């Protein structure tokens, strides 16, 4: 299953690495692709993820989901 999230505040490769690291730690996540230019994160998982859990991981990295 793939889900795309819009993330605000990412501007560089370090931002992408931080988001990828935090989101990768969520149980069930099998892949994370971050596109800084588009402000998006594509998460591959073995089942549907709770958006609040993804939001918390992105917040931990210092960014936030776009509303």
PDB file of N, CA and C in Angstrom:
ATOM      1  N   UNK A   1       0.845  -1.168   0.000  1.00  0.00           N
ATOM      2  CA  UNK A   1       0.000   0.000   0.000  1.00  0.00           C
ATOM      3  C   UNK A   1       0.900   1.243   0.000  1.00  0.00           C
ATOM      4  N   UNK A   2       0.591   2.208  -0.850  1.00  0.00           N
ATOM      5  CA  UNK A   2       1.335   3.471  -0.886  1.00  0.00           C
ATOM      6  C   UNK A   2       0.411   4.626  -0.553  1.00  0.00           C
ATOM      7  N   UNK A   3       0.922   5.532   0.282  1.00  0.00           N
ATOM      8  CA  UNK A   3       0.162   6.717   0.651  1.00  0.00           C
ATOM      9  C   UNK A   3       1.082   7.922   0.509  1.00  0.00           C
ATOM     10  N   UNK A   4       0.566   8.992  -0.098  1.00  0.00           N
ATOM     11  CA  UNK A   4       1.348  10.216  -0.271  1.00  0.00           C
ATOM     12  C   UNK A   4       0.863  11.268   0.708  1.00  0.00           C
ATOM     13  N   UNK A   5       1.825  11.888   1.391  1.00  0.00           N
ATOM     14  CA  UNK A   5       1.538  12.950   2.354  1.00  0.00           C
ATOM     15  C   UNK A   5       2.235  14.220   1.904  1.00  0.00           C
ATOM     16  N   UNK A   6       1.585  15.358   2.095  1.00  0.00           N
ATOM     17  CA  UNK A   6       2.209  16.657   1.826  1.00  0.00           C
ATOM     18  C   UNK A   6       2.808  17.159   3.129  1.00  0.00           C
ATOM     19  N   UNK A   7       4.077  17.577   3.059  1.00  0.00           N
ATOM     20  CA  UNK A   7       4.795  18.013   4.250  1.00  0.00           C
ATOM     21  C   UNK A   7       5.289  19.442   4.047  1.00  0.00           C
ATOM     22  N   UNK A   8       5.079  20.268   5.057  1.00  0.00           N
ATOM     23  CA  UNK A   8       5.507  21.675   4.994  1.00  0.00           C
ATOM     24  C   UNK A   8       6.847  21.860   5.691  1.00  0.00           C
ATOM     25  N   UNK A   9       7.687  22.713   5.122  1.00  0.00           N
ATOM     26  CA  UNK A   9       8.914  23.118   5.776  1.00  0.00           C
ATOM     27  C   UNK A   9      10.185  22.439   5.299  1.00  0.00           C
ATOM     28  N   UNK A  10      10.086  21.411   4.476  1.00  0.00           N
ATOM     29  CA  UNK A  10      11.298  20.736   3.997  1.00  0.00           C
ATOM     30  C   UNK A  10      11.952  21.577   2.902  1.00  0.00           C
ATOM     31  N   UNK A  11      13.271  21.783   3.031  1.00  0.00           N
ATOM     32  CA  UNK A  11      13.957  22.611   2.041  1.00  0.00           C
ATOM     33  C   UNK A  11      15.259  22.015   1.508  1.00  0.00           C
ATOM     34  N   UNK A  12      15.720  20.895   2.095  1.00  0.00           N
ATOM     35  CA  UNK A  12      17.036  20.388   1.690  1.00  0.00           C
ATOM     36  C   UNK A  12      17.131  18.875   1.895  1.00  0.00           C
ATOM     37  N   UNK A  13      18.268  18.315   1.520  1.00  0.00           N
ATOM     38  CA  UNK A  13      18.503  16.880   1.650  1.00  0.00           C
ATOM     39  C   UNK A  13      18.507  16.456   3.117  1.00  0.00           C
ATOM     40  N   UNK A  14      18.988  17.310   3.996  1.00  0.00           N
ATOM     41  CA  UNK A  14      18.989  16.987   5.425  1.00  0.00           C
ATOM     42  C   UNK A  14      17.551  16.860   5.923  1.00  0.00           C
ATOM     43  N   UNK A  15      16.682  17.742   5.456  1.00  0.00           N
ATOM     44  CA  UNK A  15      15.254  17.668   5.816  1.00  0.00           C
ATOM     45  C   UNK A  15      14.684  16.316   5.390  1.00  0.00           C
ATOM     46  N   UNK A  16      14.976  15.938   4.147  1.00  0.00           N
ATOM     47  CA  UNK A  16      14.469  14.680   3.615  1.00  0.00           C
ATOM     48  C   UNK A  16      14.977  13.499   4.435  1.00  0.00           C
ATOM     49  N   UNK A  17      16.256  13.519   4.797  1.00  0.00           N
ATOM     50  CA  UNK A  17      16.837  12.427   5.572  1.00  0.00           C
ATOM     51  C   UNK A  17      16.190  12.320   6.950  1.00  0.00           C
ATOM     52  N   UNK A  18      15.923  13.452   7.575  1.00  0.00           N
ATOM     53  CA  UNK A  18      15.298  13.456   8.903  1.00  0.00           C
ATOM     54  C   UNK A  18      13.892  12.863   8.844  1.00  0.00           C
ATOM     55  N   UNK A  19      13.121  13.288   7.850  1.00  0.00           N
ATOM     56  CA  UNK A  19      11.753  12.784   7.703  1.00  0.00           C
ATOM     57  C   UNK A  19      11.784  11.290   7.389  1.00  0.00           C
ATOM     58  N   UNK A  20      12.659  10.891   6.469  1.00  0.00           N
ATOM     59  CA  UNK A  20      12.749   9.480   6.094  1.00  0.00           C
ATOM     60  C   UNK A  20      13.112   8.617   7.299  1.00  0.00           C
ATOM     61  N   UNK A  21      14.059   9.068   8.101  1.00  0.00           N
ATOM     62  CA  UNK A  21      14.483   8.314   9.280  1.00  0.00           C
ATOM     63  C   UNK A  21      13.328   8.110  10.260  1.00  0.00           C
ATOM     64  N   UNK A  22      12.608   9.185  10.569  1.00  0.00           N
ATOM     65  CA  UNK A  22      11.518   9.084  11.545  1.00  0.00           C
ATOM     66  C   UNK A  22      10.357   8.242  11.026  1.00  0.00           C
ATOM     67  N   UNK A  23       9.956   8.458   9.786  1.00  0.00           N
ATOM     68  CA  UNK A  23       8.809   7.727   9.235  1.00  0.00           C
ATOM     69  C   UNK A  23       9.155   6.244   9.058  1.00  0.00           C
ATOM     70  N   UNK A  24      10.404   5.950   8.751  1.00  0.00           N
ATOM     71  CA  UNK A  24      10.830   4.560   8.576  1.00  0.00           C
ATOM     72  C   UNK A  24      10.693   3.741   9.851  1.00  0.00           C
ATOM     73  N   UNK A  25      10.685   4.399  10.987  1.00  0.00           N
ATOM     74  CA  UNK A  25      10.584   3.702  12.271  1.00  0.00           C
ATOM     75  C   UNK A  25       9.157   3.282  12.637  1.00  0.00           C
ATOM     76  N   UNK A  26       8.174   3.734  11.863  1.00  0.00           N
ATOM     77  CA  UNK A  26       6.778   3.361  12.135  1.00  0.00           C
ATOM     78  C   UNK A  26       6.591   1.885  11.792  1.00  0.00           C
ATOM     79  N   UNK A  27       5.948   1.165  12.690  1.00  0.00           N
ATOM     80  CA  UNK A  27       5.675  -0.254  12.455  1.00  0.00           C
ATOM     81  C   UNK A  27       4.864  -0.436  11.173  1.00  0.00           C
ATOM     82  N   UNK A  28       5.295  -1.361  10.328  1.00  0.00           N
ATOM     83  CA  UNK A  28       4.587  -1.657   9.086  1.00  0.00           C
ATOM     84  C   UNK A  28       5.102  -0.909   7.877  1.00  0.00           C
ATOM     85  N   UNK A  29       5.956   0.102   8.079  1.00  0.00           N
ATOM     86  CA  UNK A  29       6.502   0.859   6.949  1.00  0.00           C
ATOM     87  C   UNK A  29       7.609   0.046   6.305  1.00  0.00           C
ATOM     88  N   UNK A  30       7.527  -0.102   4.975  1.00  0.00           N
ATOM     89  CA  UNK A  30       8.544  -0.867   4.257  1.00  0.00           C
ATOM     90  C   UNK A  30       9.346   0.005   3.296  1.00  0.00           C
ATOM     91  N   UNK A  31       8.944   1.265   3.118  1.00  0.00           N
ATOM     92  CA  UNK A  31       9.686   2.173   2.256  1.00  0.00           C
ATOM     93  C   UNK A  31       9.192   3.598   2.398  1.00  0.00           C
ATOM     94  N   UNK A  32      10.136   4.547   2.258  1.00  0.00           N
ATOM     95  CA  UNK A  32       9.794   5.968   2.345  1.00  0.00           C
ATOM     96  C   UNK A  32      10.552   6.696   1.243  1.00  0.00           C
ATOM     97  N   UNK A  33       9.821   7.465   0.429  1.00  0.00           N
ATOM     98  CA  UNK A  33      10.432   8.260  -0.635  1.00  0.00           C
ATOM     99  C   UNK A  33      10.039   9.711  -0.401  1.00  0.00           C
ATOM    100  N   UNK A  34      11.060  10.567  -0.204  1.00  0.00           N
ATOM    101  CA  UNK A  34      10.816  11.975   0.088  1.00  0.00           C
ATOM    102  C   UNK A  34      11.198  12.815  -1.123  1.00  0.00           C
ATOM    103  N   UNK A  35      10.300  13.701  -1.555  1.00  0.00           N
ATOM    104  CA  UNK A  35      10.564  14.636  -2.649  1.00  0.00           C
ATOM    105  C   UNK A  35      10.491  16.044  -2.065  1.00  0.00           C
ATOM    106  N   UNK A  36      11.666  16.620  -1.792  1.00  0.00           N
ATOM    107  CA  UNK A  36      11.725  17.942  -1.166  1.00  0.00           C
ATOM    108  C   UNK A  36      11.086  18.999  -2.055  1.00  0.00           C
ATOM    109  N   UNK A  37      11.384  18.967  -3.351  1.00  0.00           N
ATOM    110  CA  UNK A  37      10.855  19.979  -4.271  1.00  0.00           C
ATOM    111  C   UNK A  37       9.334  19.985  -4.301  1.00  0.00           C
ATOM    112  N   UNK A  38       8.747  18.808  -4.258  1.00  0.00           N
ATOM    113  CA  UNK A  38       7.284  18.695  -4.293  1.00  0.00           C
ATOM    114  C   UNK A  38       6.674  18.813  -2.903  1.00  0.00           C
ATOM    115  N   UNK A  39       7.510  18.688  -1.869  1.00  0.00           N
ATOM    116  CA  UNK A  39       6.997  18.728  -0.502  1.00  0.00           C
ATOM    117  C   UNK A  39       6.157  17.514  -0.185  1.00  0.00           C
ATOM    118  N   UNK A  40       6.565  16.360  -0.741  1.00  0.00           N
ATOM    119  CA  UNK A  40       5.770  15.159  -0.525  1.00  0.00           C
ATOM    120  C   UNK A  40       6.595  14.009   0.028  1.00  0.00           C
ATOM    121  N   UNK A  41       5.896  13.125   0.698  1.00  0.00           N
ATOM    122  CA  UNK A  41       6.486  11.909   1.242  1.00  0.00           C
ATOM    123  C   UNK A  41       5.572  10.760   0.827  1.00  0.00           C
ATOM    124  N   UNK A  42       6.128   9.785   0.119  1.00  0.00           N
ATOM    125  CA  UNK A  42       5.376   8.601  -0.285  1.00  0.00           C
ATOM    126  C   UNK A  42       5.810   7.468   0.633  1.00  0.00           C
ATOM    127  N   UNK A  43       4.845   6.931   1.361  1.00  0.00           N
ATOM    128  CA  UNK A  43       5.122   5.875   2.335  1.00  0.00           C
ATOM    129  C   UNK A  43       4.526   4.563   1.829  1.00  0.00           C
ATOM    130  N   UNK A  44       5.381   3.546   1.729  1.00  0.00           N
ATOM    131  CA  UNK A  44       4.923   2.201   1.376  1.00  0.00           C
ATOM    132  C   UNK A  44       4.814   1.415   2.672  1.00  0.00           C
ATOM    133  N   UNK A  45       3.684   0.742   2.847  1.00  0.00           N
ATOM    134  CA  UNK A  45       3.468  -0.002   4.085  1.00  0.00           C
ATOM    135  C   UNK A  45       2.709  -1.280   3.781  1.00  0.00           C
ATOM    136  N   UNK A  46       2.797  -2.218   4.730  1.00  0.00           N
ATOM    137  CA  UNK A  46       2.104  -3.479   4.519  1.00  0.00           C
ATOM    138  C   UNK A  46       0.620  -3.413   4.859  1.00  0.00           C
ATOM    139  N   UNK A  47       0.191  -2.303   5.474  1.00  0.00           N
ATOM    140  CA  UNK A  47      -1.233  -2.074   5.757  1.00  0.00           C
ATOM    141  C   UNK A  47      -1.457  -0.570   5.926  1.00  0.00           C
ATOM    142  N   UNK A  48      -2.720  -0.172   6.030  1.00  0.00           N
ATOM    143  CA  UNK A  48      -3.034   1.248   6.185  1.00  0.00           C
ATOM    144  C   UNK A  48      -2.415   1.788   7.478  1.00  0.00           C
ATOM    145  N   UNK A  49      -1.885   3.008   7.403  1.00  0.00           N
ATOM    146  CA  UNK A  49      -1.279   3.651   8.565  1.00  0.00           C
ATOM    147  C   UNK A  49      -2.220   4.696   9.138  1.00  0.00           C
ATOM    148  N   UNK A  50      -2.155   4.875  10.429  1.00  0.00           N
ATOM    149  CA  UNK A  50      -2.910   5.913  11.109  1.00  0.00           C
ATOM    150  C   UNK A  50      -2.229   7.249  10.797  1.00  0.00           C
ATOM    151  N   UNK A  51      -2.955   8.186  10.220  1.00  0.00           N
ATOM    152  CA  UNK A  51      -2.383   9.483   9.859  1.00  0.00           C
ATOM    153  C   UNK A  51      -1.785  10.186  11.068  1.00  0.00           C
ATOM    154  N   UNK A  52      -2.373  10.011  12.243  1.00  0.00           N
ATOM    155  CA  UNK A  52      -1.851  10.640  13.457  1.00  0.00           C
ATOM    156  C   UNK A  52      -0.458  10.116  13.793  1.00  0.00           C
ATOM    157  N   UNK A  53      -0.200   8.847  13.517  1.00  0.00           N
ATOM    158  CA  UNK A  53       1.116   8.262  13.774  1.00  0.00           C
ATOM    159  C   UNK A  53       2.142   8.836  12.797  1.00  0.00           C
ATOM    160  N   UNK A  54       1.758   8.964  11.541  1.00  0.00           N
ATOM    161  CA  UNK A  54       2.649   9.547  10.535  1.00  0.00           C
ATOM    162  C   UNK A  54       2.911  11.013  10.878  1.00  0.00           C
ATOM    163  N   UNK A  55       1.876  11.727  11.263  1.00  0.00           N
ATOM    164  CA  UNK A  55       2.004  13.132  11.655  1.00  0.00           C
ATOM    165  C   UNK A  55       2.982  13.277  12.825  1.00  0.00           C
ATOM    166  N   UNK A  56       2.871  12.395  13.802  1.00  0.00           N
ATOM    167  CA  UNK A  56       3.765  12.453  14.965  1.00  0.00           C
ATOM    168  C   UNK A  56       5.214  12.213  14.557  1.00  0.00           C
ATOM    169  N   UNK A  57       5.452  11.286  13.643  1.00  0.00           N
ATOM    170  CA  UNK A  57       6.815  11.000  13.184  1.00  0.00           C
ATOM    171  C   UNK A  57       7.380  12.192  12.421  1.00  0.00           C
ATOM    172  N   UNK A  58       6.564  12.800  11.578  1.00  0.00           N
ATOM    173  CA  UNK A  58       7.010  13.967  10.800  1.00  0.00           C
ATOM    174  C   UNK A  58       7.264  15.144  11.743  1.00  0.00           C
ATOM    175  N   UNK A  59       6.425  15.296  12.751  1.00  0.00           N
ATOM    176  CA  UNK A  59       6.631  16.349  13.760  1.00  0.00           C
ATOM    177  C   UNK A  59       7.931  16.131  14.525  1.00  0.00           C
ATOM    178  N   UNK A  60       8.232  14.875  14.838  1.00  0.00           N
ATOM    179  CA  UNK A  60       9.462  14.534  15.539  1.00  0.00           C
ATOM    180  C   UNK A  60      10.686  14.943  14.716  1.00  0.00           C
ATOM    181  N   UNK A  61      10.541  14.893  13.395  1.00  0.00           N
ATOM    182  CA  UNK A  61      11.629  15.304  12.500  1.00  0.00           C
ATOM    183  C   UNK A  61      11.709  16.828  12.378  1.00  0.00           C
ATOM    184  N   UNK A  62      10.689  17.530  12.878  1.00  0.00           N
ATOM    185  CA  UNK A  62      10.715  18.985  12.854  1.00  0.00           C
ATOM    186  C   UNK A  62       9.860  19.629  11.784  1.00  0.00           C
ATOM    187  N   UNK A  63       8.972  18.847  11.186  1.00  0.00           N
ATOM    188  CA  UNK A  63       8.130  19.363  10.101  1.00  0.00           C
ATOM    189  C   UNK A  63       6.673  19.045  10.414  1.00  0.00           C
ATOM    190  N   UNK A  64       5.767  19.397   9.502  1.00  0.00           N
ATOM    191  CA  UNK A  64       4.370  19.099   9.767  1.00  0.00           C
ATOM    192  C   UNK A  64       3.634  18.754   8.486  1.00  0.00           C
ATOM    193  N   UNK A  65       2.603  17.941   8.656  1.00  0.00           N
ATOM    194  CA  UNK A  65       1.759  17.614   7.517  1.00  0.00           C
ATOM    195  C   UNK A  65       0.998  18.848   7.081  1.00  0.00           C
ATOM    196  N   UNK A  66       0.890  19.023   5.779  1.00  0.00           N
ATOM    197  CA  UNK A  66       0.103  20.137   5.251  1.00  0.00           C
ATOM    198  C   UNK A  66      -1.374  19.804   5.450  1.00  0.00           C
ATOM    199  N   UNK A  67      -2.153  20.820   5.750  1.00  0.00           N
ATOM    200  CA  UNK A  67      -3.583  20.568   5.962  1.00  0.00           C
ATOM    201  C   UNK A  67      -4.377  20.726   4.690  1.00  0.00           C
TER     202      UNK A  67
END
